[in-house]
N, C-alpha and C. Protein backbone atom coordinates (compact mmCIF):
# COMPACT_ATOMS: atom_id res chain seq x y z
N MET A 1 0.84 -1.18 0.00
CA MET A 1 0.00 0.00 0.00
C MET A 1 0.89 1.25 0.00
N TYR A 2 0.50 2.22 -0.80
CA TYR A 2 1.26 3.46 -0.93
C TYR A 2 0.41 4.64 -0.51
N ARG A 3 1.00 5.54 0.25
CA ARG A 3 0.33 6.79 0.57
C ARG A 3 0.31 7.67 -0.69
N ILE A 4 -0.54 8.67 -0.70
CA ILE A 4 -0.66 9.58 -1.84
C ILE A 4 0.70 10.18 -2.18
N SER A 5 1.44 10.63 -1.19
CA SER A 5 2.74 11.26 -1.44
C SER A 5 3.74 10.27 -2.05
N GLU A 6 3.69 9.02 -1.61
CA GLU A 6 4.59 8.01 -2.17
C GLU A 6 4.23 7.72 -3.63
N ALA A 7 2.93 7.62 -3.92
CA ALA A 7 2.48 7.37 -5.29
C ALA A 7 2.90 8.53 -6.19
N ALA A 8 2.76 9.75 -5.70
CA ALA A 8 3.15 10.93 -6.48
C ALA A 8 4.62 10.88 -6.83
N LEU A 9 5.45 10.52 -5.87
CA LEU A 9 6.89 10.44 -6.09
C LEU A 9 7.20 9.38 -7.16
N LEU A 10 6.57 8.23 -7.06
CA LEU A 10 6.82 7.15 -8.01
C LEU A 10 6.34 7.50 -9.41
N LEU A 11 5.25 8.25 -9.51
CA LEU A 11 4.69 8.63 -10.81
C LEU A 11 5.30 9.91 -11.37
N GLY A 12 6.08 10.61 -10.55
CA GLY A 12 6.73 11.83 -11.00
C GLY A 12 5.79 13.01 -11.14
N VAL A 13 4.78 13.07 -10.27
CA VAL A 13 3.81 14.16 -10.29
C VAL A 13 3.63 14.70 -8.88
N SER A 14 2.82 15.74 -8.73
CA SER A 14 2.57 16.30 -7.40
C SER A 14 1.50 15.50 -6.66
N ASP A 15 1.48 15.67 -5.35
CA ASP A 15 0.44 15.04 -4.53
C ASP A 15 -0.94 15.47 -5.01
N ASP A 16 -1.07 16.77 -5.35
CA ASP A 16 -2.37 17.29 -5.81
C ASP A 16 -2.84 16.61 -7.09
N THR A 17 -1.91 16.30 -7.98
CA THR A 17 -2.28 15.60 -9.22
C THR A 17 -2.84 14.23 -8.90
N VAL A 18 -2.19 13.51 -7.99
CA VAL A 18 -2.68 12.19 -7.59
C VAL A 18 -4.07 12.32 -6.96
N ARG A 19 -4.25 13.32 -6.12
CA ARG A 19 -5.56 13.52 -5.49
C ARG A 19 -6.64 13.81 -6.55
N ARG A 20 -6.31 14.57 -7.58
CA ARG A 20 -7.28 14.83 -8.67
C ARG A 20 -7.63 13.54 -9.40
N TRP A 21 -6.64 12.68 -9.64
CA TRP A 21 -6.90 11.40 -10.29
C TRP A 21 -7.81 10.54 -9.43
N VAL A 22 -7.60 10.58 -8.13
CA VAL A 22 -8.44 9.82 -7.20
C VAL A 22 -9.86 10.38 -7.23
N SER A 23 -10.00 11.70 -7.13
CA SER A 23 -11.33 12.35 -7.13
C SER A 23 -12.11 12.07 -8.40
N SER A 24 -11.39 12.00 -9.54
CA SER A 24 -12.07 11.76 -10.81
C SER A 24 -12.35 10.28 -11.06
N GLY A 25 -11.85 9.41 -10.17
CA GLY A 25 -12.08 7.98 -10.31
C GLY A 25 -11.08 7.27 -11.21
N ARG A 26 -10.07 7.97 -11.68
CA ARG A 26 -9.06 7.35 -12.54
C ARG A 26 -8.11 6.44 -11.77
N LEU A 27 -7.97 6.71 -10.47
CA LEU A 27 -7.05 5.95 -9.64
C LEU A 27 -7.79 5.54 -8.37
N GLY A 28 -7.84 4.23 -8.13
CA GLY A 28 -8.57 3.71 -6.99
C GLY A 28 -7.79 3.78 -5.69
N VAL A 29 -8.50 4.07 -4.61
CA VAL A 29 -7.88 4.13 -3.29
C VAL A 29 -8.71 3.36 -2.28
N SER A 30 -8.11 3.07 -1.15
CA SER A 30 -8.83 2.52 -0.01
C SER A 30 -8.37 3.32 1.20
N GLU A 31 -8.91 2.99 2.34
CA GLU A 31 -8.55 3.73 3.54
C GLU A 31 -7.82 2.82 4.52
N ASP A 32 -6.79 3.38 5.14
CA ASP A 32 -6.01 2.65 6.14
C ASP A 32 -5.72 3.62 7.28
N ARG A 33 -6.32 3.38 8.42
CA ARG A 33 -6.14 4.24 9.59
C ARG A 33 -6.45 5.71 9.28
N GLY A 34 -7.53 5.93 8.54
CA GLY A 34 -7.96 7.29 8.23
C GLY A 34 -7.22 7.95 7.09
N ARG A 35 -6.30 7.25 6.45
CA ARG A 35 -5.53 7.80 5.33
C ARG A 35 -5.92 7.10 4.04
N GLN A 36 -5.89 7.85 2.96
CA GLN A 36 -6.10 7.23 1.66
C GLN A 36 -4.81 6.53 1.24
N VAL A 37 -4.93 5.28 0.79
CA VAL A 37 -3.78 4.51 0.32
C VAL A 37 -4.14 3.85 -0.99
N ILE A 38 -3.12 3.57 -1.76
CA ILE A 38 -3.29 2.96 -3.08
C ILE A 38 -2.58 1.62 -3.07
N ALA A 39 -3.27 0.57 -3.47
CA ALA A 39 -2.67 -0.76 -3.55
C ALA A 39 -1.58 -0.76 -4.62
N GLY A 40 -0.51 -1.50 -4.37
CA GLY A 40 0.58 -1.58 -5.33
C GLY A 40 0.13 -2.02 -6.71
N GLU A 41 -0.78 -3.00 -6.77
CA GLU A 41 -1.27 -3.50 -8.05
C GLU A 41 -2.05 -2.41 -8.80
N GLU A 42 -2.82 -1.64 -8.07
CA GLU A 42 -3.59 -0.53 -8.67
C GLU A 42 -2.65 0.54 -9.20
N LEU A 43 -1.62 0.86 -8.43
CA LEU A 43 -0.65 1.87 -8.87
C LEU A 43 0.10 1.39 -10.11
N ALA A 44 0.46 0.11 -10.14
CA ALA A 44 1.15 -0.45 -11.31
C ALA A 44 0.25 -0.40 -12.54
N ARG A 45 -1.03 -0.74 -12.38
CA ARG A 45 -1.98 -0.70 -13.49
C ARG A 45 -2.08 0.72 -14.04
N PHE A 46 -2.22 1.68 -13.13
CA PHE A 46 -2.35 3.07 -13.54
C PHE A 46 -1.08 3.57 -14.23
N ALA A 47 0.08 3.21 -13.68
CA ALA A 47 1.35 3.63 -14.28
C ALA A 47 1.49 3.05 -15.68
N GLN A 48 1.11 1.80 -15.86
CA GLN A 48 1.18 1.16 -17.17
C GLN A 48 0.25 1.86 -18.16
N GLU A 49 -0.92 2.23 -17.70
CA GLU A 49 -1.88 2.95 -18.53
C GLU A 49 -1.30 4.29 -18.99
N ARG A 50 -0.64 4.98 -18.07
CA ARG A 50 -0.02 6.27 -18.42
C ARG A 50 1.10 6.09 -19.42
N VAL A 51 1.88 5.01 -19.30
CA VAL A 51 2.97 4.75 -20.23
C VAL A 51 2.41 4.59 -21.64
N HIS A 52 1.32 3.83 -21.77
CA HIS A 52 0.73 3.62 -23.09
C HIS A 52 0.20 4.91 -23.69
N LEU A 53 -0.29 5.82 -22.87
CA LEU A 53 -0.78 7.10 -23.36
C LEU A 53 0.35 7.95 -23.93
N GLU A 54 1.56 7.79 -23.40
CA GLU A 54 2.69 8.60 -23.83
C GLU A 54 3.43 7.99 -25.03
N GLU A 55 3.20 6.70 -25.31
CA GLU A 55 3.91 6.05 -26.40
C GLU A 55 3.44 6.55 -27.76
N GLY A 56 4.23 6.28 -28.77
CA GLY A 56 3.83 6.58 -30.11
C GLY A 56 4.43 7.86 -30.67
N ARG A 57 5.09 8.64 -29.84
CA ARG A 57 5.68 9.88 -30.32
C ARG A 57 7.07 9.67 -30.89
N ALA A 58 7.77 8.67 -30.43
CA ALA A 58 9.12 8.39 -30.90
C ALA A 58 9.43 6.94 -30.55
N SER A 59 10.52 6.42 -31.11
CA SER A 59 10.85 5.03 -30.85
C SER A 59 11.35 4.81 -29.43
N ALA A 60 11.89 5.84 -28.81
CA ALA A 60 12.39 5.71 -27.44
C ALA A 60 11.23 5.87 -26.45
N ARG A 61 11.14 4.94 -25.50
CA ARG A 61 10.06 5.00 -24.52
C ARG A 61 10.42 5.86 -23.33
N ASN A 62 11.69 6.06 -23.10
CA ASN A 62 12.12 6.76 -21.90
C ASN A 62 12.31 8.24 -22.20
N ARG A 63 11.23 8.99 -22.13
CA ARG A 63 11.24 10.43 -22.39
C ARG A 63 11.00 11.13 -21.07
N LEU A 64 11.98 11.89 -20.62
CA LEU A 64 11.92 12.54 -19.32
C LEU A 64 11.93 14.06 -19.50
N PRO A 65 10.76 14.68 -19.43
CA PRO A 65 10.71 16.14 -19.58
C PRO A 65 11.32 16.82 -18.36
N GLY A 66 12.01 17.92 -18.60
CA GLY A 66 12.63 18.64 -17.50
C GLY A 66 13.05 20.02 -17.91
N ILE A 67 14.03 20.55 -17.20
CA ILE A 67 14.53 21.90 -17.45
C ILE A 67 16.05 21.86 -17.45
N VAL A 68 16.65 22.59 -18.36
CA VAL A 68 18.11 22.66 -18.43
C VAL A 68 18.59 23.45 -17.22
N THR A 69 19.53 22.86 -16.47
CA THR A 69 20.06 23.53 -15.28
C THR A 69 21.48 24.03 -15.48
N ARG A 70 22.19 23.46 -16.46
CA ARG A 70 23.58 23.85 -16.67
C ARG A 70 24.01 23.46 -18.07
N VAL A 71 24.77 24.33 -18.71
CA VAL A 71 25.39 24.03 -20.00
C VAL A 71 26.85 24.45 -19.89
N GLN A 72 27.73 23.48 -20.08
CA GLN A 72 29.17 23.76 -20.01
C GLN A 72 29.77 23.40 -21.36
N VAL A 73 30.27 24.40 -22.07
CA VAL A 73 30.84 24.19 -23.40
C VAL A 73 32.36 24.25 -23.29
N ASP A 74 33.02 23.27 -23.92
CA ASP A 74 34.48 23.21 -23.90
C ASP A 74 34.94 22.76 -25.28
N GLY A 75 35.38 23.69 -26.08
CA GLY A 75 35.83 23.34 -27.42
C GLY A 75 34.67 22.89 -28.29
N VAL A 76 34.80 21.70 -28.88
CA VAL A 76 33.75 21.20 -29.78
C VAL A 76 32.66 20.42 -29.04
N MET A 77 32.87 20.13 -27.75
CA MET A 77 31.91 19.35 -26.97
C MET A 77 31.25 20.20 -25.89
N ALA A 78 30.10 19.69 -25.40
CA ALA A 78 29.37 20.38 -24.35
C ALA A 78 28.75 19.36 -23.41
N GLN A 79 28.53 19.77 -22.17
CA GLN A 79 27.81 18.97 -21.19
C GLN A 79 26.55 19.73 -20.84
N VAL A 80 25.41 19.04 -20.94
CA VAL A 80 24.12 19.65 -20.63
C VAL A 80 23.50 18.86 -19.48
N ASP A 81 23.15 19.57 -18.41
CA ASP A 81 22.49 18.96 -17.25
C ASP A 81 21.01 19.30 -17.31
N ILE A 82 20.17 18.31 -17.09
CA ILE A 82 18.72 18.49 -17.08
C ILE A 82 18.17 17.96 -15.76
N ALA A 83 17.31 18.74 -15.12
CA ALA A 83 16.59 18.28 -13.94
C ALA A 83 15.23 17.80 -14.42
N ALA A 84 14.97 16.51 -14.28
CA ALA A 84 13.70 15.91 -14.68
C ALA A 84 13.08 15.34 -13.42
N GLY A 85 12.17 16.08 -12.83
CA GLY A 85 11.63 15.67 -11.54
C GLY A 85 12.75 15.71 -10.52
N ARG A 86 12.93 14.64 -9.79
CA ARG A 86 14.00 14.61 -8.79
C ARG A 86 15.29 14.02 -9.35
N PHE A 87 15.34 13.83 -10.67
CA PHE A 87 16.50 13.20 -11.29
C PHE A 87 17.35 14.21 -12.05
N ARG A 88 18.65 14.01 -11.99
CA ARG A 88 19.59 14.81 -12.76
C ARG A 88 20.10 13.93 -13.90
N LEU A 89 19.96 14.43 -15.11
CA LEU A 89 20.45 13.71 -16.27
C LEU A 89 21.51 14.56 -16.94
N VAL A 90 22.57 13.92 -17.39
CA VAL A 90 23.68 14.62 -18.01
C VAL A 90 23.88 14.07 -19.41
N SER A 91 23.98 14.98 -20.37
CA SER A 91 24.21 14.57 -21.75
C SER A 91 25.47 15.24 -22.27
N LEU A 92 26.29 14.47 -22.95
CA LEU A 92 27.45 15.01 -23.64
C LEU A 92 27.09 15.09 -25.11
N MET A 93 27.26 16.26 -25.69
CA MET A 93 26.90 16.45 -27.10
C MET A 93 27.82 17.49 -27.71
N SER A 94 27.68 17.68 -28.99
CA SER A 94 28.54 18.65 -29.66
C SER A 94 28.11 20.08 -29.33
N ARG A 95 29.04 20.98 -29.40
CA ARG A 95 28.76 22.40 -29.20
C ARG A 95 27.73 22.85 -30.24
N GLU A 96 27.88 22.35 -31.46
CA GLU A 96 26.97 22.71 -32.54
C GLU A 96 25.53 22.33 -32.20
N ALA A 97 25.33 21.13 -31.62
CA ALA A 97 23.99 20.69 -31.25
C ALA A 97 23.39 21.61 -30.18
N VAL A 98 24.20 21.99 -29.19
CA VAL A 98 23.73 22.89 -28.14
C VAL A 98 23.27 24.21 -28.75
N GLU A 99 24.07 24.74 -29.67
CA GLU A 99 23.73 26.01 -30.31
C GLU A 99 22.48 25.89 -31.17
N GLU A 100 22.38 24.80 -31.95
CA GLU A 100 21.20 24.61 -32.81
C GLU A 100 19.91 24.47 -32.01
N LEU A 101 20.00 23.78 -30.87
CA LEU A 101 18.82 23.59 -30.02
C LEU A 101 18.53 24.79 -29.12
N GLY A 102 19.49 25.70 -29.03
CA GLY A 102 19.31 26.87 -28.17
C GLY A 102 19.25 26.50 -26.70
N LEU A 103 20.04 25.52 -26.30
CA LEU A 103 20.01 25.05 -24.91
C LEU A 103 20.76 26.01 -24.01
N ARG A 104 20.09 26.42 -22.94
CA ARG A 104 20.69 27.25 -21.90
C ARG A 104 19.88 27.05 -20.63
N PRO A 105 20.46 27.34 -19.48
CA PRO A 105 19.73 27.15 -18.23
C PRO A 105 18.36 27.86 -18.26
N GLY A 106 17.35 27.14 -17.78
CA GLY A 106 16.00 27.69 -17.75
C GLY A 106 15.14 27.25 -18.92
N GLU A 107 15.74 26.68 -19.96
CA GLU A 107 14.98 26.23 -21.12
C GLU A 107 14.38 24.85 -20.85
N PRO A 108 13.16 24.61 -21.29
CA PRO A 108 12.59 23.26 -21.16
C PRO A 108 13.29 22.32 -22.13
N ALA A 109 13.44 21.08 -21.72
CA ALA A 109 14.08 20.08 -22.57
C ALA A 109 13.57 18.71 -22.16
N THR A 110 13.61 17.78 -23.09
CA THR A 110 13.25 16.40 -22.80
C THR A 110 14.46 15.52 -23.03
N ALA A 111 14.84 14.77 -22.01
CA ALA A 111 15.93 13.80 -22.15
C ALA A 111 15.31 12.51 -22.68
N VAL A 112 15.83 12.04 -23.79
CA VAL A 112 15.36 10.79 -24.38
C VAL A 112 16.46 9.76 -24.15
N VAL A 113 16.14 8.74 -23.36
CA VAL A 113 17.14 7.75 -22.98
C VAL A 113 16.89 6.48 -23.76
N LYS A 114 17.90 6.02 -24.46
CA LYS A 114 17.81 4.79 -25.21
C LYS A 114 19.08 3.99 -24.92
N ALA A 115 18.92 2.80 -24.39
CA ALA A 115 20.08 2.01 -24.00
C ALA A 115 19.86 0.55 -24.36
N THR A 116 20.96 -0.17 -24.49
CA THR A 116 20.85 -1.60 -24.78
C THR A 116 20.67 -2.41 -23.52
N MET A 117 20.96 -1.79 -22.36
CA MET A 117 20.83 -2.50 -21.10
C MET A 117 20.40 -1.53 -20.02
N VAL A 118 19.51 -1.96 -19.18
CA VAL A 118 19.08 -1.16 -18.04
C VAL A 118 19.21 -2.03 -16.80
N VAL A 119 19.90 -1.53 -15.79
CA VAL A 119 20.05 -2.24 -14.53
C VAL A 119 18.91 -1.79 -13.62
N VAL A 120 18.23 -2.74 -13.01
CA VAL A 120 17.10 -2.43 -12.13
C VAL A 120 17.45 -2.82 -10.71
N GLU A 121 17.25 -1.88 -9.79
CA GLU A 121 17.42 -2.15 -8.38
C GLU A 121 16.07 -2.02 -7.70
N LYS A 122 15.84 -2.81 -6.69
CA LYS A 122 14.58 -2.72 -5.94
C LYS A 122 14.57 -1.42 -5.16
N GLY A 123 13.46 -0.69 -5.23
CA GLY A 123 13.33 0.58 -4.54
C GLY A 123 13.16 0.41 -3.05
N GLU A 124 13.49 1.45 -2.31
CA GLU A 124 13.34 1.45 -0.87
C GLU A 124 12.00 2.07 -0.51
N ARG A 125 11.41 1.63 0.57
CA ARG A 125 10.14 2.19 1.04
C ARG A 125 10.31 2.71 2.42
């Protein structure tokens, strides 16, 4: 069972967004000691549903919207840092790409992650 705040963290949204989903009936809850809680299976179902809604825009499934927090240019290469929710993502790219995209701190950006292998660790509760 997950509290509203825990579900929000896992889904990458605010507590208020989760509460709106609950109020609209999109996300089922039960009560535990006077608190609204969401069953793990229900949260997984909802998360899977959201993933399918986001698919179809590109071949990469891992699209993390965020904001550029830092751009460091050194010669022909650049490092771009993006804050996507509570995650920091770092991309190394050409200076030319940074200039063409107009990347600078404060600009919205989406990190698209595509890898041949992903290591999964069990989360802490």
